[in-house]
């Protein structure tokens, strides 16, 4: 399974001809711009931000605290949505878990718990039965959970995820889309800026996101 990990960049990697700078991010260096921008749901002056993620992705887990702080700092400037990337195809159990929690109104309460279970407690939550067992053990009513899990709304959204990912040209996580056109990944920022320290990478990622939101807001 592919994910953009915070691995150290090899010394032999060829440097980009453009100079990377998180404080003044360059297209093709610190981020990419989609050739075909996608429509956004945000209205007015707000900038739409999408995060494509997966619960099993170590980089997503690492980014999560920084991303939450960044979203809080941006406040009313943005509308933030998370999109689970279905690595296992149109019936991906992890993506289905996210959509089920969202439909139940339990996402705020359980989103961090899932990351904790996978990356701290080392629980395997890659199959339907593993996830259902975990959900019940963590206080969710089994009947209500299964009703939502199998609901038309959840299954319909689940089938559409691959189409959504394809529209944004997303194949790895975490990937953040600003205003339907700017594509940001910590992996690209790390490579372009030759960052080895995780804290520096988180700061640089926040800087790039800040600048792209600012640029997008000017076009509203």
N, C-alpha and C. Protein backbone atom coordinates (compact mmCIF):
# COMPACT_ATOMS: atom_id res chain seq x y z
N UNK A 1 0.84 -1.20 0.00
CA UNK A 1 0.00 0.00 0.00
C UNK A 1 0.88 1.24 0.00
N UNK A 2 0.51 2.17 -0.83
CA UNK A 2 1.36 3.35 -1.02
C UNK A 2 0.96 4.47 -0.07
N UNK A 3 1.93 5.08 0.51
CA UNK A 3 1.70 6.29 1.29
C UNK A 3 2.96 7.13 1.23
N UNK A 4 2.80 8.44 1.33
CA UNK A 4 3.94 9.34 1.29
C UNK A 4 4.53 9.42 2.69
N UNK A 5 5.59 8.68 2.90
CA UNK A 5 6.17 8.58 4.23
C UNK A 5 7.23 9.64 4.45
N UNK A 6 7.46 9.96 5.74
CA UNK A 6 8.46 10.96 6.08
C UNK A 6 9.84 10.28 6.18
N UNK A 7 10.27 9.69 5.09
CA UNK A 7 11.57 9.03 5.05
C UNK A 7 12.66 10.06 4.78
N UNK A 8 13.87 9.75 5.16
CA UNK A 8 14.98 10.65 4.88
C UNK A 8 15.28 10.62 3.39
N UNK A 9 15.55 11.77 2.80
CA UNK A 9 15.81 11.87 1.38
C UNK A 9 17.26 11.48 1.10
N UNK A 10 17.48 10.62 0.14
CA UNK A 10 18.82 10.13 -0.18
C UNK A 10 19.71 11.27 -0.65
N UNK A 11 20.97 11.19 -0.28
CA UNK A 11 21.90 12.26 -0.64
C UNK A 11 22.12 12.35 -2.15
N UNK A 12 21.86 11.26 -2.85
CA UNK A 12 22.09 11.25 -4.29
C UNK A 12 20.93 11.81 -5.09
N UNK A 13 19.86 12.19 -4.44
CA UNK A 13 18.69 12.68 -5.16
C UNK A 13 19.01 13.98 -5.88
N UNK A 14 18.61 14.09 -7.11
CA UNK A 14 18.89 15.27 -7.91
C UNK A 14 18.08 16.46 -7.41
N UNK A 15 18.72 17.58 -7.21
CA UNK A 15 18.04 18.78 -6.71
C UNK A 15 17.23 19.42 -7.82
N UNK A 16 16.13 20.06 -7.44
CA UNK A 16 15.31 20.77 -8.41
C UNK A 16 16.03 22.03 -8.87
N UNK A 17 15.80 22.41 -10.13
CA UNK A 17 16.44 23.61 -10.65
C UNK A 17 15.86 24.87 -10.02
N UNK A 18 14.60 24.80 -9.56
CA UNK A 18 14.00 25.93 -8.87
C UNK A 18 14.35 25.87 -7.39
N UNK A 19 14.40 27.02 -6.76
CA UNK A 19 14.74 27.08 -5.34
C UNK A 19 13.49 26.92 -4.51
N UNK A 20 13.47 25.90 -3.66
CA UNK A 20 12.31 25.65 -2.81
C UNK A 20 12.28 26.64 -1.66
N UNK A 21 11.09 27.05 -1.28
CA UNK A 21 10.95 27.97 -0.16
C UNK A 21 9.53 27.88 0.39
N UNK A 22 9.32 27.27 1.56
CA UNK A 22 7.98 27.18 2.14
C UNK A 22 7.34 28.54 2.37
N UNK A 23 8.16 29.57 2.64
CA UNK A 23 7.62 30.91 2.88
C UNK A 23 7.15 31.58 1.59
N UNK A 24 7.66 31.10 0.46
CA UNK A 24 7.26 31.60 -0.85
C UNK A 24 7.21 30.41 -1.81
N UNK A 25 6.23 29.51 -1.62
CA UNK A 25 6.21 28.23 -2.35
C UNK A 25 6.10 28.39 -3.85
N UNK A 26 6.84 27.52 -4.57
CA UNK A 26 6.88 27.55 -6.02
C UNK A 26 6.11 26.37 -6.59
N UNK A 27 5.35 26.65 -7.64
CA UNK A 27 4.62 25.60 -8.33
C UNK A 27 5.60 24.61 -8.95
N UNK A 28 5.34 23.33 -8.77
CA UNK A 28 6.22 22.30 -9.29
C UNK A 28 7.38 21.98 -8.38
N UNK A 29 7.54 22.76 -7.32
CA UNK A 29 8.63 22.54 -6.37
C UNK A 29 8.06 22.20 -5.00
N UNK A 30 7.36 23.16 -4.39
CA UNK A 30 6.77 22.95 -3.07
C UNK A 30 5.34 22.42 -3.16
N UNK A 31 4.73 22.56 -4.33
CA UNK A 31 3.36 22.07 -4.55
C UNK A 31 3.14 21.89 -6.04
N UNK A 32 2.01 21.32 -6.40
CA UNK A 32 1.63 21.15 -7.80
C UNK A 32 0.29 21.86 -8.03
N UNK A 33 0.05 22.25 -9.26
CA UNK A 33 -1.24 22.82 -9.63
C UNK A 33 -1.93 21.88 -10.61
N UNK A 34 -3.17 21.54 -10.33
CA UNK A 34 -3.91 20.65 -11.20
C UNK A 34 -4.14 21.30 -12.57
N UNK A 35 -3.95 20.53 -13.62
CA UNK A 35 -4.21 21.03 -14.97
C UNK A 35 -5.70 21.31 -15.16
N UNK A 36 -6.52 20.52 -14.48
CA UNK A 36 -7.98 20.70 -14.55
C UNK A 36 -8.51 20.93 -13.14
N UNK A 37 -8.58 22.19 -12.68
CA UNK A 37 -9.10 22.48 -11.34
C UNK A 37 -10.50 21.90 -11.14
N UNK A 38 -10.77 21.47 -9.93
CA UNK A 38 -12.04 20.85 -9.59
C UNK A 38 -12.97 21.85 -8.91
N UNK A 39 -14.28 21.72 -9.10
CA UNK A 39 -15.23 22.62 -8.43
C UNK A 39 -15.16 22.48 -6.92
N UNK A 40 -15.39 23.57 -6.22
CA UNK A 40 -15.32 23.57 -4.76
C UNK A 40 -16.72 23.76 -4.17
N UNK A 41 -16.89 23.29 -2.94
CA UNK A 41 -18.16 23.43 -2.25
C UNK A 41 -18.20 24.66 -1.36
N UNK A 42 -17.03 25.21 -1.04
CA UNK A 42 -16.98 26.39 -0.18
C UNK A 42 -17.61 27.59 -0.89
N UNK A 43 -18.30 28.40 -0.13
CA UNK A 43 -18.97 29.57 -0.69
C UNK A 43 -18.37 30.86 -0.13
N UNK A 44 -18.68 31.97 -0.79
CA UNK A 44 -18.20 33.26 -0.31
C UNK A 44 -16.70 33.38 -0.40
N UNK A 45 -16.11 33.94 0.63
CA UNK A 45 -14.67 34.18 0.67
C UNK A 45 -13.87 33.01 1.20
N UNK A 46 -14.55 31.97 1.68
CA UNK A 46 -13.85 30.85 2.29
C UNK A 46 -13.16 29.99 1.24
N UNK A 47 -12.00 29.45 1.63
CA UNK A 47 -11.20 28.60 0.76
C UNK A 47 -11.41 27.14 1.17
N UNK A 48 -11.70 26.29 0.19
CA UNK A 48 -11.89 24.87 0.49
C UNK A 48 -10.54 24.16 0.63
N UNK A 49 -10.44 23.34 1.68
CA UNK A 49 -9.25 22.54 1.91
C UNK A 49 -9.68 21.08 2.05
N UNK A 50 -9.13 20.20 1.24
CA UNK A 50 -9.41 18.77 1.32
C UNK A 50 -8.14 18.04 1.75
N UNK A 51 -8.30 17.10 2.69
CA UNK A 51 -7.18 16.23 3.03
C UNK A 51 -7.53 14.80 2.63
N UNK A 52 -6.79 14.25 1.70
CA UNK A 52 -6.90 12.82 1.38
C UNK A 52 -5.98 12.09 2.35
N UNK A 53 -6.55 11.13 3.07
CA UNK A 53 -5.80 10.46 4.12
C UNK A 53 -6.21 8.99 4.20
N UNK A 54 -5.48 8.23 5.02
CA UNK A 54 -5.86 6.86 5.35
C UNK A 54 -5.46 6.61 6.80
N UNK A 55 -6.29 5.88 7.52
CA UNK A 55 -6.00 5.64 8.94
C UNK A 55 -4.71 4.85 9.14
N UNK A 56 -4.38 3.96 8.20
CA UNK A 56 -3.18 3.14 8.39
C UNK A 56 -1.90 3.89 8.03
N UNK A 57 -2.02 5.06 7.43
CA UNK A 57 -0.88 5.81 6.91
C UNK A 57 -0.09 6.48 8.04
N UNK A 58 1.18 6.09 8.27
CA UNK A 58 1.98 6.70 9.34
C UNK A 58 2.16 8.21 9.17
N UNK A 59 2.32 8.66 7.92
CA UNK A 59 2.50 10.09 7.68
C UNK A 59 1.24 10.88 8.01
N UNK A 60 0.08 10.29 7.75
CA UNK A 60 -1.19 10.95 8.11
C UNK A 60 -1.31 11.09 9.61
N UNK A 61 -0.93 10.04 10.32
CA UNK A 61 -0.96 10.08 11.78
C UNK A 61 -0.01 11.14 12.31
N UNK A 62 1.16 11.25 11.71
CA UNK A 62 2.15 12.23 12.12
C UNK A 62 1.68 13.66 11.83
N UNK A 63 1.01 13.83 10.70
CA UNK A 63 0.56 15.15 10.30
C UNK A 63 -0.65 15.63 11.09
N UNK A 64 -1.46 14.72 11.59
CA UNK A 64 -2.76 15.05 12.18
C UNK A 64 -2.71 16.15 13.23
N UNK A 65 -1.82 16.11 14.24
CA UNK A 65 -1.81 17.20 15.24
C UNK A 65 -1.50 18.56 14.62
N UNK A 66 -0.54 18.60 13.71
CA UNK A 66 -0.19 19.86 13.04
C UNK A 66 -1.35 20.37 12.20
N UNK A 67 -2.01 19.46 11.50
CA UNK A 67 -3.12 19.86 10.64
C UNK A 67 -4.28 20.41 11.47
N UNK A 68 -4.56 19.78 12.59
CA UNK A 68 -5.64 20.26 13.46
C UNK A 68 -5.33 21.67 13.98
N UNK A 69 -4.09 21.90 14.38
CA UNK A 69 -3.69 23.23 14.85
C UNK A 69 -3.80 24.25 13.73
N UNK A 70 -3.40 23.84 12.54
CA UNK A 70 -3.45 24.74 11.39
C UNK A 70 -4.89 25.11 11.04
N UNK A 71 -5.78 24.14 11.05
CA UNK A 71 -7.20 24.39 10.76
C UNK A 71 -7.79 25.35 11.79
N UNK A 72 -7.43 25.15 13.06
CA UNK A 72 -7.92 26.03 14.12
C UNK A 72 -7.41 27.45 13.91
N UNK A 73 -6.15 27.58 13.51
CA UNK A 73 -5.56 28.91 13.29
C UNK A 73 -6.23 29.62 12.11
N UNK A 74 -6.53 28.88 11.07
CA UNK A 74 -7.18 29.47 9.89
C UNK A 74 -8.61 29.91 10.19
N UNK A 75 -9.29 29.21 11.06
CA UNK A 75 -10.63 29.60 11.47
C UNK A 75 -11.60 29.72 10.31
N UNK A 76 -12.25 30.86 10.22
CA UNK A 76 -13.28 31.08 9.20
C UNK A 76 -12.71 31.34 7.80
N UNK A 77 -11.40 31.32 7.67
CA UNK A 77 -10.81 31.53 6.34
C UNK A 77 -11.04 30.32 5.42
N UNK A 78 -11.24 29.14 6.02
CA UNK A 78 -11.29 27.92 5.23
C UNK A 78 -12.51 27.06 5.59
N UNK A 79 -12.81 26.15 4.70
CA UNK A 79 -13.74 25.04 4.96
C UNK A 79 -12.94 23.77 4.76
N UNK A 80 -12.80 22.98 5.82
CA UNK A 80 -11.94 21.80 5.79
C UNK A 80 -12.79 20.53 5.67
N UNK A 81 -12.39 19.64 4.76
CA UNK A 81 -13.04 18.34 4.62
C UNK A 81 -11.97 17.26 4.49
N UNK A 82 -12.20 16.14 5.12
CA UNK A 82 -11.31 14.99 4.97
C UNK A 82 -11.93 13.99 4.00
N UNK A 83 -11.09 13.38 3.19
CA UNK A 83 -11.54 12.39 2.22
C UNK A 83 -10.68 11.14 2.38
N UNK A 84 -11.26 10.02 2.80
CA UNK A 84 -10.46 8.80 2.94
C UNK A 84 -10.10 8.23 1.57
N UNK A 85 -8.83 7.92 1.36
CA UNK A 85 -8.39 7.36 0.09
C UNK A 85 -8.57 5.84 0.14
N UNK A 86 -9.37 5.26 -0.76
CA UNK A 86 -9.70 3.83 -0.68
C UNK A 86 -8.61 2.95 -1.27
N UNK A 87 -7.55 2.70 -0.51
CA UNK A 87 -6.43 1.90 -1.00
C UNK A 87 -6.86 0.48 -1.38
N UNK A 88 -7.90 -0.04 -0.71
CA UNK A 88 -8.33 -1.42 -0.96
C UNK A 88 -9.46 -1.50 -1.99
N UNK A 89 -9.73 -0.42 -2.69
CA UNK A 89 -10.74 -0.48 -3.73
C UNK A 89 -12.09 0.07 -3.29
N UNK A 90 -13.13 -0.17 -4.09
CA UNK A 90 -14.45 0.45 -3.86
C UNK A 90 -15.18 -0.02 -2.62
N UNK A 91 -14.66 -1.03 -1.92
CA UNK A 91 -15.28 -1.48 -0.67
C UNK A 91 -14.31 -1.35 0.50
N UNK A 92 -13.36 -0.44 0.38
CA UNK A 92 -12.30 -0.27 1.39
C UNK A 92 -12.87 -0.13 2.80
N UNK A 93 -12.52 -1.05 3.73
CA UNK A 93 -13.08 -1.02 5.08
C UNK A 93 -12.70 0.23 5.89
N UNK A 94 -11.45 0.69 5.74
CA UNK A 94 -11.02 1.88 6.47
C UNK A 94 -11.81 3.11 6.05
N UNK A 95 -11.96 3.27 4.75
CA UNK A 95 -12.73 4.39 4.23
C UNK A 95 -14.18 4.29 4.69
N UNK A 96 -14.69 3.07 4.71
CA UNK A 96 -16.07 2.84 5.14
C UNK A 96 -16.24 3.19 6.62
N UNK A 97 -15.23 2.91 7.43
CA UNK A 97 -15.27 3.29 8.84
C UNK A 97 -15.40 4.80 8.98
N UNK A 98 -14.58 5.54 8.25
CA UNK A 98 -14.64 7.01 8.31
C UNK A 98 -16.03 7.50 7.93
N UNK A 99 -16.56 7.01 6.82
CA UNK A 99 -17.87 7.45 6.34
C UNK A 99 -18.98 7.07 7.31
N UNK A 100 -18.84 5.93 7.96
CA UNK A 100 -19.84 5.48 8.94
C UNK A 100 -19.83 6.39 10.17
N UNK A 101 -18.64 6.67 10.68
CA UNK A 101 -18.52 7.57 11.84
C UNK A 101 -19.06 8.96 11.49
N UNK A 102 -18.76 9.42 10.29
CA UNK A 102 -19.24 10.73 9.84
C UNK A 102 -20.76 10.75 9.79
N UNK A 103 -21.36 9.71 9.22
CA UNK A 103 -22.82 9.64 9.09
C UNK A 103 -23.51 9.52 10.44
N UNK A 104 -22.84 8.90 11.41
CA UNK A 104 -23.40 8.75 12.75
C UNK A 104 -23.23 10.00 13.61
N UNK A 105 -22.48 10.97 13.11
CA UNK A 105 -22.17 12.15 13.91
C UNK A 105 -21.15 11.87 15.00
N UNK A 106 -20.33 10.84 14.80
CA UNK A 106 -19.36 10.41 15.82
C UNK A 106 -17.91 10.68 15.41
N UNK A 107 -17.71 11.38 14.31
CA UNK A 107 -16.36 11.55 13.79
C UNK A 107 -15.47 12.33 14.74
N UNK A 108 -15.97 13.43 15.28
CA UNK A 108 -15.16 14.23 16.20
C UNK A 108 -14.73 13.43 17.42
N UNK A 109 -15.60 12.54 17.85
CA UNK A 109 -15.34 11.75 19.04
C UNK A 109 -14.39 10.58 18.78
N UNK A 110 -14.42 10.03 17.56
CA UNK A 110 -13.71 8.77 17.30
C UNK A 110 -12.55 8.87 16.31
N UNK A 111 -12.44 9.96 15.59
CA UNK A 111 -11.38 10.07 14.57
C UNK A 111 -9.99 9.85 15.17
N UNK A 112 -9.69 10.55 16.24
CA UNK A 112 -8.38 10.39 16.88
C UNK A 112 -8.22 9.00 17.50
N UNK A 113 -9.32 8.44 17.97
CA UNK A 113 -9.26 7.10 18.56
C UNK A 113 -8.83 6.05 17.55
N UNK A 114 -9.25 6.23 16.31
CA UNK A 114 -8.86 5.26 15.28
C UNK A 114 -7.36 5.35 15.03
N UNK A 115 -6.84 6.56 14.88
CA UNK A 115 -5.39 6.74 14.73
C UNK A 115 -4.64 6.13 15.90
N UNK A 116 -5.14 6.36 17.11
CA UNK A 116 -4.51 5.83 18.32
C UNK A 116 -4.50 4.31 18.30
N UNK A 117 -5.62 3.73 17.92
CA UNK A 117 -5.72 2.28 17.89
C UNK A 117 -4.73 1.67 16.91
N UNK A 118 -4.59 2.28 15.75
CA UNK A 118 -3.73 1.73 14.70
C UNK A 118 -2.25 1.97 14.98
N UNK A 119 -1.89 3.20 15.38
CA UNK A 119 -0.48 3.57 15.44
C UNK A 119 0.14 3.51 16.83
N UNK A 120 -0.68 3.53 17.86
CA UNK A 120 -0.16 3.43 19.23
C UNK A 120 -0.43 2.04 19.81
N UNK A 121 -1.68 1.61 19.69
CA UNK A 121 -2.06 0.30 20.22
C UNK A 121 -1.75 -0.84 19.26
N UNK A 122 -1.38 -0.50 18.03
CA UNK A 122 -0.99 -1.46 17.01
C UNK A 122 -2.09 -2.48 16.68
N UNK A 123 -3.29 -1.99 16.63
CA UNK A 123 -4.41 -2.85 16.26
C UNK A 123 -4.57 -2.87 14.75
N UNK A 124 -4.93 -4.04 14.22
CA UNK A 124 -5.18 -4.18 12.80
C UNK A 124 -6.64 -3.84 12.53
N UNK A 125 -6.85 -2.78 11.77
CA UNK A 125 -8.21 -2.37 11.41
C UNK A 125 -8.31 -2.24 9.89
N UNK A 126 -8.01 -3.34 9.21
CA UNK A 126 -8.00 -3.35 7.76
C UNK A 126 -9.11 -4.20 7.15
N UNK A 127 -9.84 -4.90 8.01
CA UNK A 127 -10.92 -5.76 7.51
C UNK A 127 -12.22 -5.41 8.21
N UNK A 128 -13.33 -5.76 7.57
CA UNK A 128 -14.65 -5.43 8.11
C UNK A 128 -14.83 -5.94 9.53
N UNK A 129 -14.53 -7.23 9.75
CA UNK A 129 -14.78 -7.83 11.07
C UNK A 129 -13.91 -7.20 12.15
N UNK A 130 -12.67 -6.84 11.80
CA UNK A 130 -11.78 -6.18 12.77
C UNK A 130 -12.33 -4.82 13.18
N UNK A 131 -12.84 -4.09 12.21
CA UNK A 131 -13.37 -2.76 12.48
C UNK A 131 -14.66 -2.83 13.28
N UNK A 132 -15.53 -3.73 12.92
CA UNK A 132 -16.81 -3.86 13.65
C UNK A 132 -16.56 -4.25 15.09
N UNK A 133 -15.63 -5.18 15.31
CA UNK A 133 -15.29 -5.59 16.67
C UNK A 133 -14.72 -4.42 17.47
N UNK A 134 -13.83 -3.64 16.84
CA UNK A 134 -13.24 -2.48 17.50
C UNK A 134 -14.32 -1.45 17.84
N UNK A 135 -15.23 -1.20 16.93
CA UNK A 135 -16.28 -0.20 17.14
C UNK A 135 -17.14 -0.55 18.34
N UNK A 136 -17.52 -1.80 18.45
CA UNK A 136 -18.38 -2.24 19.56
C UNK A 136 -17.61 -2.16 20.88
N UNK A 137 -16.36 -2.58 20.86
CA UNK A 137 -15.54 -2.52 22.08
C UNK A 137 -15.31 -1.09 22.55
N UNK A 138 -15.42 -0.15 21.62
CA UNK A 138 -15.18 1.25 21.97
C UNK A 138 -16.46 2.04 22.17
N UNK A 139 -17.55 1.32 22.47
CA UNK A 139 -18.76 1.98 22.94
C UNK A 139 -19.82 2.31 21.91
N UNK A 140 -19.61 1.92 20.65
CA UNK A 140 -20.63 2.19 19.64
C UNK A 140 -21.67 1.08 19.62
N UNK A 141 -22.92 1.48 19.56
CA UNK A 141 -24.01 0.50 19.52
C UNK A 141 -23.91 -0.32 18.22
N UNK A 142 -23.83 -1.64 18.36
CA UNK A 142 -23.59 -2.48 17.19
C UNK A 142 -24.72 -2.38 16.17
N UNK A 143 -25.95 -2.38 16.62
CA UNK A 143 -27.08 -2.32 15.69
C UNK A 143 -27.07 -1.02 14.89
N UNK A 144 -26.85 0.10 15.58
CA UNK A 144 -26.82 1.40 14.90
C UNK A 144 -25.61 1.51 13.98
N UNK A 145 -24.48 0.98 14.45
CA UNK A 145 -23.27 1.02 13.65
C UNK A 145 -23.46 0.23 12.36
N UNK A 146 -24.01 -0.99 12.47
CA UNK A 146 -24.19 -1.84 11.29
C UNK A 146 -25.24 -1.26 10.34
N UNK A 147 -26.26 -0.64 10.91
CA UNK A 147 -27.29 -0.02 10.07
C UNK A 147 -26.68 1.10 9.22
N UNK A 148 -25.82 1.90 9.85
CA UNK A 148 -25.16 2.99 9.12
C UNK A 148 -24.10 2.46 8.17
N UNK A 149 -23.34 1.48 8.62
CA UNK A 149 -22.29 0.83 7.84
C UNK A 149 -22.84 0.31 6.50
N UNK A 150 -24.03 -0.24 6.55
CA UNK A 150 -24.66 -0.82 5.36
C UNK A 150 -25.66 0.11 4.67
N UNK A 151 -25.74 1.34 5.14
CA UNK A 151 -26.75 2.27 4.61
C UNK A 151 -26.45 2.67 3.17
N UNK A 152 -27.49 3.09 2.48
CA UNK A 152 -27.36 3.52 1.09
C UNK A 152 -26.43 4.73 0.99
N UNK A 153 -26.55 5.67 1.94
CA UNK A 153 -25.72 6.87 1.90
C UNK A 153 -24.24 6.56 2.01
N UNK A 154 -23.87 5.68 2.95
CA UNK A 154 -22.47 5.32 3.13
C UNK A 154 -21.94 4.54 1.95
N UNK A 155 -22.68 3.55 1.49
CA UNK A 155 -22.20 2.73 0.38
C UNK A 155 -22.08 3.53 -0.91
N UNK A 156 -22.97 4.49 -1.10
CA UNK A 156 -22.89 5.34 -2.30
C UNK A 156 -21.64 6.21 -2.26
N UNK A 157 -21.40 6.86 -1.11
CA UNK A 157 -20.20 7.69 -0.97
C UNK A 157 -18.93 6.86 -1.12
N UNK A 158 -18.96 5.64 -0.59
CA UNK A 158 -17.81 4.75 -0.67
C UNK A 158 -17.46 4.43 -2.12
N UNK A 159 -18.46 4.15 -2.93
CA UNK A 159 -18.22 3.83 -4.34
C UNK A 159 -17.67 5.02 -5.12
N UNK A 160 -17.98 6.21 -4.67
CA UNK A 160 -17.56 7.42 -5.40
C UNK A 160 -16.15 7.89 -5.05
N UNK A 161 -15.55 7.31 -4.01
CA UNK A 161 -14.27 7.81 -3.53
C UNK A 161 -13.17 7.68 -4.57
N UNK A 162 -13.12 6.56 -5.27
CA UNK A 162 -12.07 6.38 -6.27
C UNK A 162 -12.19 7.40 -7.40
N UNK A 163 -13.42 7.71 -7.78
CA UNK A 163 -13.65 8.71 -8.82
C UNK A 163 -13.16 10.09 -8.34
N UNK A 164 -13.44 10.39 -7.08
CA UNK A 164 -13.00 11.66 -6.50
C UNK A 164 -11.48 11.75 -6.47
N UNK A 165 -10.82 10.68 -6.02
CA UNK A 165 -9.35 10.66 -5.98
C UNK A 165 -8.76 10.82 -7.37
N UNK A 166 -9.36 10.18 -8.35
CA UNK A 166 -8.87 10.27 -9.73
C UNK A 166 -9.00 11.70 -10.26
N UNK A 167 -10.09 12.36 -9.92
CA UNK A 167 -10.30 13.73 -10.39
C UNK A 167 -9.21 14.67 -9.88
N UNK A 168 -8.73 14.41 -8.67
CA UNK A 168 -7.68 15.25 -8.07
C UNK A 168 -6.28 14.69 -8.31
N UNK A 169 -6.19 13.57 -9.05
CA UNK A 169 -4.90 12.93 -9.36
C UNK A 169 -4.17 12.50 -8.09
N UNK A 170 -4.92 12.04 -7.10
CA UNK A 170 -4.34 11.64 -5.82
C UNK A 170 -4.14 10.12 -5.80
N UNK A 171 -2.93 9.69 -5.48
CA UNK A 171 -2.64 8.26 -5.37
C UNK A 171 -1.94 7.91 -4.07
N UNK A 172 -1.58 8.89 -3.27
CA UNK A 172 -0.89 8.66 -2.01
C UNK A 172 -1.38 9.59 -0.93
N UNK A 173 -1.05 9.27 0.31
CA UNK A 173 -1.50 10.05 1.45
C UNK A 173 -0.31 10.40 2.34
N UNK A 174 -0.40 11.54 3.06
CA UNK A 174 -1.45 12.56 2.99
C UNK A 174 -1.25 13.50 1.80
N UNK A 175 -2.35 13.88 1.19
CA UNK A 175 -2.34 14.87 0.12
C UNK A 175 -3.41 15.91 0.43
N UNK A 176 -3.04 17.17 0.34
CA UNK A 176 -3.96 18.25 0.68
C UNK A 176 -4.23 19.08 -0.57
N UNK A 177 -5.49 19.35 -0.83
CA UNK A 177 -5.89 20.14 -1.99
C UNK A 177 -6.44 21.48 -1.50
N UNK A 178 -5.88 22.56 -2.00
CA UNK A 178 -6.31 23.91 -1.65
C UNK A 178 -7.10 24.49 -2.83
N UNK A 179 -8.34 24.89 -2.55
CA UNK A 179 -9.18 25.58 -3.54
C UNK A 179 -9.37 24.79 -4.84
N UNK A 180 -9.38 23.47 -4.73
CA UNK A 180 -9.63 22.62 -5.88
C UNK A 180 -8.53 22.57 -6.91
N UNK A 181 -7.36 23.16 -6.61
CA UNK A 181 -6.31 23.23 -7.65
C UNK A 181 -4.89 23.06 -7.14
N UNK A 182 -4.57 23.53 -5.95
CA UNK A 182 -3.21 23.42 -5.44
C UNK A 182 -3.06 22.10 -4.67
N UNK A 183 -2.08 21.30 -5.04
CA UNK A 183 -1.87 19.98 -4.45
C UNK A 183 -0.61 20.02 -3.59
N UNK A 184 -0.76 19.71 -2.32
CA UNK A 184 0.34 19.79 -1.36
C UNK A 184 0.52 18.44 -0.67
N UNK A 185 1.76 17.99 -0.58
CA UNK A 185 2.06 16.80 0.22
C UNK A 185 3.32 17.05 1.03
N UNK A 186 3.36 16.65 2.30
CA UNK A 186 4.58 16.80 3.09
C UNK A 186 5.78 16.12 2.45
N UNK A 187 5.52 15.00 1.73
CA UNK A 187 6.61 14.30 1.07
C UNK A 187 7.31 15.16 0.04
N UNK A 188 6.56 15.90 -0.76
CA UNK A 188 7.15 16.79 -1.76
C UNK A 188 7.89 17.94 -1.10
N UNK A 189 7.30 18.49 -0.05
CA UNK A 189 7.95 19.60 0.66
C UNK A 189 9.26 19.14 1.28
N UNK A 190 9.24 17.94 1.83
CA UNK A 190 10.46 17.39 2.43
C UNK A 190 11.55 17.20 1.40
N UNK A 191 11.17 16.64 0.26
CA UNK A 191 12.14 16.38 -0.80
C UNK A 191 12.70 17.68 -1.38
N UNK A 192 11.83 18.62 -1.68
CA UNK A 192 12.26 19.86 -2.32
C UNK A 192 13.14 20.71 -1.42
N UNK A 193 12.83 20.69 -0.12
CA UNK A 193 13.57 21.52 0.83
C UNK A 193 14.64 20.74 1.60
N UNK A 194 14.77 19.46 1.28
CA UNK A 194 15.79 18.60 1.91
C UNK A 194 15.70 18.67 3.44
N UNK A 195 14.48 18.51 3.95
CA UNK A 195 14.24 18.58 5.39
C UNK A 195 14.33 17.18 5.99
N UNK A 196 15.09 17.06 7.07
CA UNK A 196 15.22 15.78 7.75
C UNK A 196 14.53 15.76 9.11
N UNK A 197 14.36 16.93 9.70
CA UNK A 197 13.74 17.02 11.02
C UNK A 197 12.21 17.09 10.87
N UNK A 198 11.51 16.25 11.62
CA UNK A 198 10.05 16.18 11.50
C UNK A 198 9.39 17.49 11.90
N UNK A 199 9.85 18.10 12.97
CA UNK A 199 9.25 19.37 13.41
C UNK A 199 9.42 20.46 12.36
N UNK A 200 10.59 20.51 11.74
CA UNK A 200 10.81 21.47 10.67
C UNK A 200 9.90 21.19 9.48
N UNK A 201 9.68 19.92 9.20
CA UNK A 201 8.80 19.55 8.10
C UNK A 201 7.36 19.97 8.37
N UNK A 202 6.92 19.80 9.61
CA UNK A 202 5.56 20.21 9.97
C UNK A 202 5.40 21.72 9.83
N UNK A 203 6.42 22.46 10.28
CA UNK A 203 6.39 23.91 10.16
C UNK A 203 6.38 24.35 8.70
N UNK A 204 7.21 23.70 7.89
CA UNK A 204 7.28 24.04 6.48
C UNK A 204 5.96 23.74 5.77
N UNK A 205 5.34 22.63 6.12
CA UNK A 205 4.05 22.26 5.53
C UNK A 205 3.00 23.30 5.86
N UNK A 206 2.97 23.74 7.11
CA UNK A 206 2.02 24.77 7.52
C UNK A 206 2.25 26.08 6.76
N UNK A 207 3.52 26.42 6.54
CA UNK A 207 3.85 27.64 5.80
C UNK A 207 3.32 27.58 4.37
N UNK A 208 3.54 26.45 3.71
CA UNK A 208 3.06 26.29 2.34
C UNK A 208 1.54 26.38 2.29
N UNK A 209 0.88 25.73 3.22
CA UNK A 209 -0.59 25.78 3.26
C UNK A 209 -1.08 27.20 3.49
N UNK A 210 -0.43 27.91 4.40
CA UNK A 210 -0.80 29.32 4.67
C UNK A 210 -0.74 30.15 3.40
N UNK A 211 0.36 30.03 2.68
CA UNK A 211 0.57 30.86 1.50
C UNK A 211 -0.42 30.52 0.39
N UNK A 212 -0.74 29.24 0.24
CA UNK A 212 -1.66 28.85 -0.82
C UNK A 212 -3.10 29.25 -0.50
N UNK A 213 -3.47 29.19 0.77
CA UNK A 213 -4.77 29.71 1.17
C UNK A 213 -4.86 31.19 0.91
N UNK A 214 -3.77 31.90 1.22
CA UNK A 214 -3.72 33.35 0.99
C UNK A 214 -3.87 33.67 -0.51
N UNK A 215 -3.18 32.91 -1.34
CA UNK A 215 -3.27 33.13 -2.80
C UNK A 215 -4.68 32.82 -3.30
N UNK A 216 -5.24 31.74 -2.82
CA UNK A 216 -6.58 31.36 -3.26
C UNK A 216 -7.60 32.40 -2.83
N UNK A 217 -7.45 32.92 -1.61
CA UNK A 217 -8.41 33.90 -1.09
C UNK A 217 -8.42 35.17 -1.94
N UNK A 218 -7.30 35.52 -2.54
CA UNK A 218 -7.23 36.74 -3.34
C UNK A 218 -8.04 36.62 -4.63
N UNK A 219 -8.34 35.40 -5.03
CA UNK A 219 -9.12 35.20 -6.26
C UNK A 219 -10.61 35.13 -6.00
N UNK A 220 -11.02 35.15 -4.74
CA UNK A 220 -12.44 35.03 -4.41
C UNK A 220 -13.19 36.35 -4.67
